[in-house]
Amino acid sequence: MTDGLLVARAYRNRRFMGYHTVIIDESHECNANIYLILALVRRAVKERSKSSAELKVIIMSAAINVHKFIKYFEGYGKVGAMHIPAATHSVDLRYLGETPRTQERSGTWSQTNVQPQASDIVEESCRIVASIVRGNMAPGSILVFMPGVPEAEKACRRMKQTIEGV
């Protein structure tokens, strides 16, 4: 669930009863919800440590200061840390380029108030993915960011049609 939903549930269920484990991923993305969740979870861990229904908390991040989190939870329950080395892979970034919100005026590019159309973004993304596939690039994955779920679903359908035709 999202951090906002977890905060809302935590206010209604401050001891996290019915939960055995809470996993907080991307905890380095500090925002008000993450801070609230950490405070609420820490209190619940302490309250439940006295019962047979201990609450386990797993905090994950690729970029956290582990010692700060250990210190924050010390005295509230059992605390441990585990380091799992991550595999790194080289990444090629390719950007969509100019979107329909830019227009050429007198040979120079200038920003206008026209918003790009989602269909244009989907079509241009499909064109770029097809060119990558046709270019016989080394095996790997392609990650495409879309403005929303409807565009992502449309792009998946469109890319499948486009690539099957390759």
N, C-alpha and C. Protein backbone atom coordinates (compact mmCIF):
# COMPACT_ATOMS: atom_id res chain seq x y z
N MET A 1 0.84 -1.18 0.00
CA MET A 1 0.00 0.00 0.00
C MET A 1 0.88 1.23 0.00
N THR A 2 0.32 2.35 -0.34
CA THR A 2 1.10 3.58 -0.36
C THR A 2 1.39 4.05 1.06
N ASP A 3 2.35 4.94 1.20
CA ASP A 3 2.67 5.46 2.53
C ASP A 3 1.49 6.23 3.11
N GLY A 4 0.75 6.95 2.28
CA GLY A 4 -0.41 7.69 2.77
C GLY A 4 -1.49 6.77 3.30
N LEU A 5 -1.74 5.66 2.61
CA LEU A 5 -2.74 4.70 3.07
C LEU A 5 -2.30 4.04 4.37
N LEU A 6 -1.00 3.74 4.48
CA LEU A 6 -0.50 3.14 5.71
C LEU A 6 -0.64 4.10 6.89
N VAL A 7 -0.39 5.37 6.68
CA VAL A 7 -0.58 6.36 7.75
C VAL A 7 -2.04 6.38 8.18
N ALA A 8 -2.96 6.41 7.22
CA ALA A 8 -4.39 6.43 7.55
C ALA A 8 -4.78 5.19 8.34
N ARG A 9 -4.30 4.03 7.92
CA ARG A 9 -4.62 2.79 8.66
C ARG A 9 -3.99 2.78 10.04
N ALA A 10 -2.78 3.33 10.15
CA ALA A 10 -2.09 3.35 11.43
C ALA A 10 -2.82 4.22 12.45
N TYR A 11 -3.46 5.28 12.00
CA TYR A 11 -4.22 6.12 12.93
C TYR A 11 -5.45 5.39 13.44
N ARG A 12 -6.00 4.50 12.64
CA ARG A 12 -7.17 3.73 13.08
C ARG A 12 -6.75 2.48 13.86
N ASN A 13 -5.52 2.02 13.66
CA ASN A 13 -5.05 0.79 14.26
C ASN A 13 -3.62 1.02 14.73
N ARG A 14 -3.49 1.76 15.83
CA ARG A 14 -2.18 2.24 16.29
C ARG A 14 -1.21 1.14 16.71
N ARG A 15 -1.72 -0.03 17.04
CA ARG A 15 -0.83 -1.14 17.43
C ARG A 15 -0.60 -2.10 16.26
N PHE A 16 -1.15 -1.77 15.10
CA PHE A 16 -1.01 -2.60 13.90
C PHE A 16 -1.48 -4.03 14.17
N MET A 17 -2.54 -4.15 14.94
CA MET A 17 -3.10 -5.47 15.23
C MET A 17 -3.61 -6.07 13.91
N GLY A 18 -3.39 -7.36 13.76
CA GLY A 18 -3.75 -8.03 12.52
C GLY A 18 -2.59 -8.07 11.54
N TYR A 19 -1.52 -7.37 11.88
CA TYR A 19 -0.32 -7.38 11.05
C TYR A 19 0.80 -8.08 11.80
N HIS A 20 1.52 -8.93 11.13
CA HIS A 20 2.67 -9.61 11.71
C HIS A 20 3.95 -8.84 11.41
N THR A 21 4.00 -8.30 10.17
CA THR A 21 5.20 -7.61 9.70
C THR A 21 4.81 -6.37 8.90
N VAL A 22 5.54 -5.31 9.11
CA VAL A 22 5.38 -4.10 8.30
C VAL A 22 6.69 -3.91 7.54
N ILE A 23 6.58 -3.79 6.23
CA ILE A 23 7.75 -3.57 5.39
C ILE A 23 7.69 -2.14 4.85
N ILE A 24 8.73 -1.39 5.13
CA ILE A 24 8.81 -0.01 4.65
C ILE A 24 9.94 0.03 3.62
N ASP A 25 9.57 0.19 2.37
CA ASP A 25 10.56 0.23 1.30
C ASP A 25 10.82 1.67 0.89
N GLU A 26 11.97 1.91 0.32
CA GLU A 26 12.37 3.25 -0.13
C GLU A 26 12.30 4.25 1.03
N SER A 27 12.74 3.82 2.19
CA SER A 27 12.65 4.67 3.38
C SER A 27 13.53 5.90 3.30
N HIS A 28 14.46 5.93 2.38
CA HIS A 28 15.32 7.12 2.23
C HIS A 28 14.57 8.27 1.58
N GLU A 29 13.42 8.00 0.99
CA GLU A 29 12.62 9.07 0.38
C GLU A 29 11.87 9.80 1.49
N CYS A 30 12.57 10.63 2.17
CA CYS A 30 12.04 11.30 3.35
C CYS A 30 10.90 12.24 2.98
N ASN A 31 9.76 11.98 3.60
CA ASN A 31 8.61 12.88 3.49
C ASN A 31 7.82 12.75 4.79
N ALA A 32 6.83 13.56 4.96
CA ALA A 32 6.06 13.58 6.21
C ALA A 32 5.45 12.21 6.51
N ASN A 33 4.94 11.53 5.48
CA ASN A 33 4.33 10.21 5.71
C ASN A 33 5.34 9.20 6.22
N ILE A 34 6.53 9.19 5.66
CA ILE A 34 7.57 8.24 6.11
C ILE A 34 7.91 8.51 7.57
N TYR A 35 8.07 9.78 7.93
CA TYR A 35 8.38 10.11 9.32
C TYR A 35 7.26 9.68 10.25
N LEU A 36 6.01 9.91 9.85
CA LEU A 36 4.87 9.47 10.67
C LEU A 36 4.84 7.96 10.81
N ILE A 37 5.04 7.26 9.71
CA ILE A 37 5.02 5.79 9.75
C ILE A 37 6.10 5.27 10.68
N LEU A 38 7.31 5.81 10.58
CA LEU A 38 8.39 5.35 11.45
C LEU A 38 8.05 5.57 12.91
N ALA A 39 7.49 6.72 13.24
CA ALA A 39 7.13 7.01 14.63
C ALA A 39 6.02 6.08 15.10
N LEU A 40 5.00 5.89 14.28
CA LEU A 40 3.87 5.03 14.66
C LEU A 40 4.29 3.57 14.77
N VAL A 41 5.13 3.12 13.85
CA VAL A 41 5.60 1.74 13.88
C VAL A 41 6.50 1.51 15.09
N ARG A 42 7.36 2.48 15.39
CA ARG A 42 8.26 2.32 16.54
C ARG A 42 7.46 2.18 17.83
N ARG A 43 6.42 3.01 17.96
CA ARG A 43 5.58 2.91 19.16
C ARG A 43 4.86 1.57 19.22
N ALA A 44 4.36 1.09 18.08
CA ALA A 44 3.65 -0.19 18.04
C ALA A 44 4.59 -1.34 18.36
N VAL A 45 5.82 -1.26 17.88
CA VAL A 45 6.81 -2.31 18.17
C VAL A 45 7.04 -2.39 19.68
N LYS A 46 7.19 -1.24 20.33
CA LYS A 46 7.43 -1.23 21.78
C LYS A 46 6.23 -1.78 22.53
N GLU A 47 5.03 -1.34 22.17
CA GLU A 47 3.82 -1.81 22.85
C GLU A 47 3.61 -3.31 22.66
N ARG A 48 3.88 -3.80 21.49
CA ARG A 48 3.64 -5.22 21.22
C ARG A 48 4.80 -6.10 21.64
N SER A 49 5.96 -5.53 21.97
CA SER A 49 7.10 -6.35 22.40
C SER A 49 6.84 -7.01 23.74
N LYS A 50 5.88 -6.49 24.48
CA LYS A 50 5.53 -7.05 25.79
C LYS A 50 4.52 -8.18 25.68
N SER A 51 4.05 -8.44 24.47
CA SER A 51 3.05 -9.50 24.29
C SER A 51 3.61 -10.59 23.38
N SER A 52 2.80 -11.61 23.17
CA SER A 52 3.24 -12.70 22.28
C SER A 52 3.05 -12.33 20.81
N ALA A 53 2.43 -11.19 20.55
CA ALA A 53 2.16 -10.76 19.16
C ALA A 53 3.13 -9.67 18.74
N GLU A 54 4.43 -10.01 18.76
CA GLU A 54 5.44 -9.01 18.37
C GLU A 54 5.21 -8.54 16.95
N LEU A 55 5.53 -7.28 16.73
CA LEU A 55 5.44 -6.70 15.39
C LEU A 55 6.85 -6.63 14.83
N LYS A 56 7.02 -7.23 13.67
CA LYS A 56 8.31 -7.18 13.00
C LYS A 56 8.27 -6.05 11.97
N VAL A 57 9.39 -5.35 11.85
CA VAL A 57 9.49 -4.24 10.91
C VAL A 57 10.73 -4.46 10.05
N ILE A 58 10.54 -4.37 8.76
CA ILE A 58 11.65 -4.46 7.82
C ILE A 58 11.71 -3.12 7.10
N ILE A 59 12.86 -2.48 7.20
CA ILE A 59 13.06 -1.19 6.55
C ILE A 59 14.09 -1.40 5.44
N MET A 60 13.69 -1.05 4.23
CA MET A 60 14.56 -1.28 3.08
C MET A 60 14.85 0.02 2.35
N SER A 61 16.06 0.08 1.84
CA SER A 61 16.45 1.23 1.03
C SER A 61 17.81 0.95 0.43
N ALA A 62 18.04 1.51 -0.72
CA ALA A 62 19.35 1.39 -1.34
C ALA A 62 20.29 2.46 -0.81
N ALA A 63 19.75 3.44 -0.09
CA ALA A 63 20.58 4.58 0.29
C ALA A 63 20.28 5.09 1.70
N ILE A 64 20.12 4.19 2.67
CA ILE A 64 19.83 4.68 4.02
C ILE A 64 21.08 4.63 4.88
N ASN A 65 21.03 5.40 5.95
CA ASN A 65 22.06 5.35 6.97
C ASN A 65 21.57 4.32 7.99
N VAL A 66 22.05 3.10 7.88
CA VAL A 66 21.59 1.99 8.71
C VAL A 66 21.75 2.31 10.19
N HIS A 67 22.85 2.91 10.55
CA HIS A 67 23.13 3.18 11.97
C HIS A 67 22.10 4.14 12.59
N LYS A 68 21.62 5.10 11.81
CA LYS A 68 20.59 6.01 12.31
C LYS A 68 19.30 5.25 12.61
N PHE A 69 18.93 4.33 11.72
CA PHE A 69 17.71 3.55 11.93
C PHE A 69 17.86 2.61 13.12
N ILE A 70 19.01 2.00 13.26
CA ILE A 70 19.25 1.12 14.41
C ILE A 70 19.14 1.91 15.70
N LYS A 71 19.77 3.07 15.73
CA LYS A 71 19.71 3.91 16.93
C LYS A 71 18.27 4.35 17.22
N TYR A 72 17.52 4.68 16.16
CA TYR A 72 16.13 5.13 16.32
C TYR A 72 15.27 4.04 16.96
N PHE A 73 15.51 2.78 16.63
CA PHE A 73 14.67 1.69 17.14
C PHE A 73 15.25 1.02 18.38
N GLU A 74 16.48 1.35 18.79
CA GLU A 74 17.07 0.75 19.98
C GLU A 74 16.19 1.05 21.20
N GLY A 75 16.00 0.03 22.01
CA GLY A 75 15.18 0.20 23.21
C GLY A 75 13.69 0.00 22.95
N TYR A 76 13.32 -0.20 21.70
CA TYR A 76 11.91 -0.39 21.35
C TYR A 76 11.63 -1.83 20.95
N GLY A 77 12.63 -2.64 20.83
CA GLY A 77 12.49 -4.03 20.44
C GLY A 77 13.83 -4.53 19.95
N LYS A 78 13.85 -5.76 19.47
CA LYS A 78 15.08 -6.32 18.93
C LYS A 78 15.41 -5.62 17.62
N VAL A 79 16.69 -5.27 17.44
CA VAL A 79 17.11 -4.54 16.25
C VAL A 79 18.28 -5.28 15.61
N GLY A 80 18.23 -5.40 14.32
CA GLY A 80 19.33 -6.02 13.58
C GLY A 80 19.43 -5.38 12.21
N ALA A 81 20.52 -5.66 11.56
CA ALA A 81 20.72 -5.10 10.22
C ALA A 81 21.29 -6.18 9.31
N MET A 82 20.92 -6.09 8.06
CA MET A 82 21.43 -7.03 7.07
C MET A 82 21.77 -6.24 5.82
N HIS A 83 22.93 -6.51 5.28
CA HIS A 83 23.33 -5.85 4.04
C HIS A 83 23.28 -6.87 2.92
N ILE A 84 22.54 -6.56 1.90
CA ILE A 84 22.46 -7.42 0.73
C ILE A 84 23.06 -6.63 -0.43
N PRO A 85 24.22 -7.04 -0.90
CA PRO A 85 24.84 -6.28 -1.98
C PRO A 85 23.97 -6.32 -3.23
N ALA A 86 23.88 -5.20 -3.87
CA ALA A 86 23.03 -5.10 -5.06
C ALA A 86 23.88 -5.30 -6.31
N ALA A 87 23.25 -5.85 -7.30
CA ALA A 87 23.91 -5.97 -8.59
C ALA A 87 23.70 -4.66 -9.33
N THR A 88 24.71 -4.22 -10.00
CA THR A 88 24.56 -3.00 -10.79
C THR A 88 24.62 -3.35 -12.26
N HIS A 89 23.91 -2.62 -13.02
CA HIS A 89 23.86 -2.83 -14.46
C HIS A 89 24.01 -1.49 -15.16
N SER A 90 24.69 -1.50 -16.26
CA SER A 90 24.80 -0.25 -17.00
C SER A 90 23.44 0.10 -17.59
N VAL A 91 23.19 1.37 -17.68
CA VAL A 91 21.89 1.85 -18.16
C VAL A 91 22.12 2.89 -19.24
N ASP A 92 21.42 2.72 -20.34
CA ASP A 92 21.40 3.75 -21.39
C ASP A 92 20.13 4.55 -21.21
N LEU A 93 20.24 5.85 -21.12
CA LEU A 93 19.07 6.70 -21.01
C LEU A 93 18.75 7.29 -22.37
N ARG A 94 17.50 7.19 -22.74
CA ARG A 94 17.03 7.81 -23.98
C ARG A 94 15.80 8.61 -23.63
N TYR A 95 15.80 9.85 -24.00
CA TYR A 95 14.69 10.72 -23.67
C TYR A 95 13.79 10.90 -24.88
N LEU A 96 12.55 11.16 -24.60
CA LEU A 96 11.55 11.35 -25.64
C LEU A 96 11.94 12.48 -26.56
N GLY A 97 12.60 13.47 -26.04
CA GLY A 97 12.98 14.61 -26.86
C GLY A 97 11.92 15.68 -26.77
N GLU A 98 11.83 16.48 -27.78
CA GLU A 98 10.86 17.57 -27.78
C GLU A 98 9.45 17.01 -27.88
N THR A 99 8.58 17.50 -27.03
CA THR A 99 7.20 17.05 -27.04
C THR A 99 6.34 18.10 -27.74
N PRO A 100 5.09 17.79 -28.01
CA PRO A 100 4.24 18.74 -28.72
C PRO A 100 4.07 20.09 -28.01
N ARG A 101 4.51 20.23 -26.75
CA ARG A 101 4.33 21.51 -26.08
C ARG A 101 5.38 22.52 -26.51
N THR A 102 6.36 22.09 -27.34
CA THR A 102 7.34 23.03 -27.84
C THR A 102 7.08 23.24 -29.33
N GLN A 103 7.26 24.43 -29.75
CA GLN A 103 7.02 24.74 -31.16
C GLN A 103 8.18 25.59 -31.67
N GLU A 104 8.49 25.39 -32.94
CA GLU A 104 9.58 26.17 -33.53
C GLU A 104 9.04 27.53 -33.94
N ARG A 105 9.74 28.57 -33.52
CA ARG A 105 9.39 29.93 -33.90
C ARG A 105 10.66 30.62 -34.39
N SER A 106 10.65 31.03 -35.60
CA SER A 106 11.79 31.77 -36.18
C SER A 106 13.09 30.99 -36.01
N GLY A 107 13.03 29.67 -36.17
CA GLY A 107 14.25 28.86 -36.09
C GLY A 107 14.73 28.57 -34.69
N THR A 108 14.02 29.04 -33.64
CA THR A 108 14.43 28.74 -32.26
C THR A 108 13.27 28.04 -31.56
N TRP A 109 13.61 27.28 -30.55
CA TRP A 109 12.59 26.57 -29.78
C TRP A 109 12.18 27.43 -28.59
N SER A 110 10.89 27.51 -28.35
CA SER A 110 10.43 28.26 -27.18
C SER A 110 9.26 27.52 -26.56
N GLN A 111 9.10 27.68 -25.27
CA GLN A 111 8.05 26.99 -24.53
C GLN A 111 6.71 27.69 -24.76
N THR A 112 5.65 26.90 -24.92
CA THR A 112 4.31 27.46 -25.02
C THR A 112 3.47 26.88 -23.89
N ASN A 113 2.27 27.34 -23.75
CA ASN A 113 1.38 26.82 -22.71
C ASN A 113 0.61 25.59 -23.16
N VAL A 114 0.86 25.10 -24.36
CA VAL A 114 0.17 23.93 -24.88
C VAL A 114 0.72 22.69 -24.18
N GLN A 115 -0.16 21.89 -23.61
CA GLN A 115 0.24 20.66 -22.94
C GLN A 115 0.40 19.54 -23.96
N PRO A 116 1.39 18.66 -23.75
CA PRO A 116 1.55 17.55 -24.67
C PRO A 116 0.35 16.61 -24.56
N GLN A 117 -0.03 16.04 -25.67
CA GLN A 117 -1.14 15.09 -25.68
C GLN A 117 -0.60 13.72 -25.29
N ALA A 118 -1.33 13.01 -24.42
CA ALA A 118 -0.90 11.69 -23.97
C ALA A 118 -0.72 10.75 -25.15
N SER A 119 -1.59 10.86 -26.15
CA SER A 119 -1.48 9.96 -27.31
C SER A 119 -0.17 10.21 -28.05
N ASP A 120 0.28 11.46 -28.11
CA ASP A 120 1.56 11.76 -28.76
C ASP A 120 2.72 11.16 -27.97
N ILE A 121 2.64 11.22 -26.66
CA ILE A 121 3.68 10.66 -25.81
C ILE A 121 3.73 9.15 -25.99
N VAL A 122 2.57 8.50 -26.00
CA VAL A 122 2.50 7.05 -26.19
C VAL A 122 3.09 6.67 -27.54
N GLU A 123 2.67 7.34 -28.59
CA GLU A 123 3.14 7.01 -29.94
C GLU A 123 4.64 7.22 -30.08
N GLU A 124 5.16 8.32 -29.55
CA GLU A 124 6.60 8.58 -29.65
C GLU A 124 7.39 7.56 -28.84
N SER A 125 6.88 7.16 -27.68
CA SER A 125 7.54 6.14 -26.87
C SER A 125 7.59 4.82 -27.62
N CYS A 126 6.48 4.46 -28.25
CA CYS A 126 6.43 3.22 -29.03
C CYS A 126 7.42 3.26 -30.19
N ARG A 127 7.53 4.41 -30.83
CA ARG A 127 8.48 4.56 -31.93
C ARG A 127 9.91 4.35 -31.44
N ILE A 128 10.23 4.93 -30.29
CA ILE A 128 11.58 4.81 -29.74
C ILE A 128 11.88 3.37 -29.34
N VAL A 129 10.94 2.71 -28.67
CA VAL A 129 11.14 1.32 -28.26
C VAL A 129 11.32 0.43 -29.49
N ALA A 130 10.50 0.63 -30.51
CA ALA A 130 10.61 -0.17 -31.74
C ALA A 130 11.99 0.04 -32.38
N SER A 131 12.48 1.28 -32.37
CA SER A 131 13.80 1.54 -32.97
C SER A 131 14.90 0.86 -32.17
N ILE A 132 14.74 0.78 -30.85
CA ILE A 132 15.72 0.08 -30.01
C ILE A 132 15.70 -1.41 -30.34
N VAL A 133 14.50 -1.98 -30.43
CA VAL A 133 14.37 -3.42 -30.72
C VAL A 133 14.91 -3.72 -32.12
N ARG A 134 14.58 -2.90 -33.09
CA ARG A 134 15.06 -3.11 -34.47
C ARG A 134 16.56 -2.92 -34.58
N GLY A 135 17.13 -2.13 -33.69
CA GLY A 135 18.56 -1.84 -33.73
C GLY A 135 19.42 -2.97 -33.22
N ASN A 136 18.82 -4.11 -32.89
CA ASN A 136 19.57 -5.28 -32.41
C ASN A 136 20.49 -4.92 -31.25
N MET A 137 19.94 -4.23 -30.29
CA MET A 137 20.71 -3.85 -29.11
C MET A 137 21.00 -5.11 -28.29
N ALA A 138 21.97 -5.00 -27.39
CA ALA A 138 22.30 -6.11 -26.50
C ALA A 138 21.06 -6.46 -25.68
N PRO A 139 20.94 -7.73 -25.30
CA PRO A 139 19.77 -8.14 -24.50
C PRO A 139 19.65 -7.32 -23.22
N GLY A 140 18.44 -7.06 -22.82
CA GLY A 140 18.21 -6.30 -21.60
C GLY A 140 16.76 -5.88 -21.51
N SER A 141 16.47 -5.07 -20.56
CA SER A 141 15.11 -4.61 -20.34
C SER A 141 14.99 -3.16 -20.77
N ILE A 142 13.77 -2.80 -21.11
CA ILE A 142 13.46 -1.42 -21.47
C ILE A 142 12.42 -0.92 -20.48
N LEU A 143 12.70 0.19 -19.84
CA LEU A 143 11.79 0.80 -18.89
C LEU A 143 11.31 2.12 -19.46
N VAL A 144 10.00 2.26 -19.59
CA VAL A 144 9.41 3.47 -20.15
C VAL A 144 8.49 4.08 -19.10
N PHE A 145 8.69 5.35 -18.79
CA PHE A 145 7.84 6.05 -17.85
C PHE A 145 6.73 6.75 -18.60
N MET A 146 5.52 6.62 -18.11
CA MET A 146 4.33 7.23 -18.72
C MET A 146 3.68 8.16 -17.72
N PRO A 147 2.88 9.11 -18.20
CA PRO A 147 2.23 10.06 -17.29
C PRO A 147 1.22 9.43 -16.34
N GLY A 148 0.61 8.31 -16.71
CA GLY A 148 -0.39 7.69 -15.87
C GLY A 148 -0.66 6.25 -16.28
N VAL A 149 -1.52 5.58 -15.51
CA VAL A 149 -1.85 4.18 -15.77
C VAL A 149 -2.51 3.99 -17.14
N PRO A 150 -3.49 4.82 -17.53
CA PRO A 150 -4.11 4.60 -18.84
C PRO A 150 -3.09 4.67 -19.98
N GLU A 151 -2.16 5.62 -19.90
CA GLU A 151 -1.14 5.75 -20.93
C GLU A 151 -0.20 4.54 -20.92
N ALA A 152 0.14 4.06 -19.74
CA ALA A 152 1.02 2.89 -19.64
C ALA A 152 0.35 1.66 -20.26
N GLU A 153 -0.94 1.47 -19.96
CA GLU A 153 -1.66 0.33 -20.53
C GLU A 153 -1.76 0.44 -22.05
N LYS A 154 -2.05 1.64 -22.52
CA LYS A 154 -2.14 1.85 -23.97
C LYS A 154 -0.78 1.62 -24.62
N ALA A 155 0.28 2.11 -23.99
CA ALA A 155 1.63 1.94 -24.53
C ALA A 155 2.00 0.46 -24.60
N CYS A 156 1.65 -0.31 -23.58
CA CYS A 156 1.95 -1.75 -23.59
C CYS A 156 1.26 -2.44 -24.76
N ARG A 157 -0.03 -2.13 -24.95
CA ARG A 157 -0.76 -2.73 -26.07
C ARG A 157 -0.14 -2.31 -27.39
N ARG A 158 0.15 -1.03 -27.52
CA ARG A 158 0.68 -0.49 -28.78
C ARG A 158 2.08 -1.03 -29.06
N MET A 159 2.92 -1.12 -28.04
CA MET A 159 4.28 -1.64 -28.23
C MET A 159 4.26 -3.10 -28.62
N LYS A 160 3.36 -3.87 -28.02
CA LYS A 160 3.24 -5.28 -28.38
C LYS A 160 2.89 -5.41 -29.86
N GLN A 161 1.93 -4.61 -30.32
CA GLN A 161 1.55 -4.65 -31.73
C GLN A 161 2.73 -4.22 -32.62
N THR A 162 3.41 -3.16 -32.21
CA THR A 162 4.50 -2.62 -33.00
C THR A 162 5.66 -3.60 -33.08
N ILE A 163 6.04 -4.17 -31.95
CA ILE A 163 7.21 -5.05 -31.89
C ILE A 163 6.91 -6.40 -32.56
N GLU A 164 5.69 -6.90 -32.44
CA GLU A 164 5.35 -8.15 -33.11
C GLU A 164 5.46 -8.01 -34.62
N GLY A 165 5.29 -6.79 -35.11
CA GLY A 165 5.41 -6.54 -36.54
C GLY A 165 6.87 -6.40 -36.98
N VAL A 166 7.81 -6.40 -36.01
CA VAL A 166 9.23 -6.22 -36.32
C VAL A 166 9.77 -7.49 -36.95
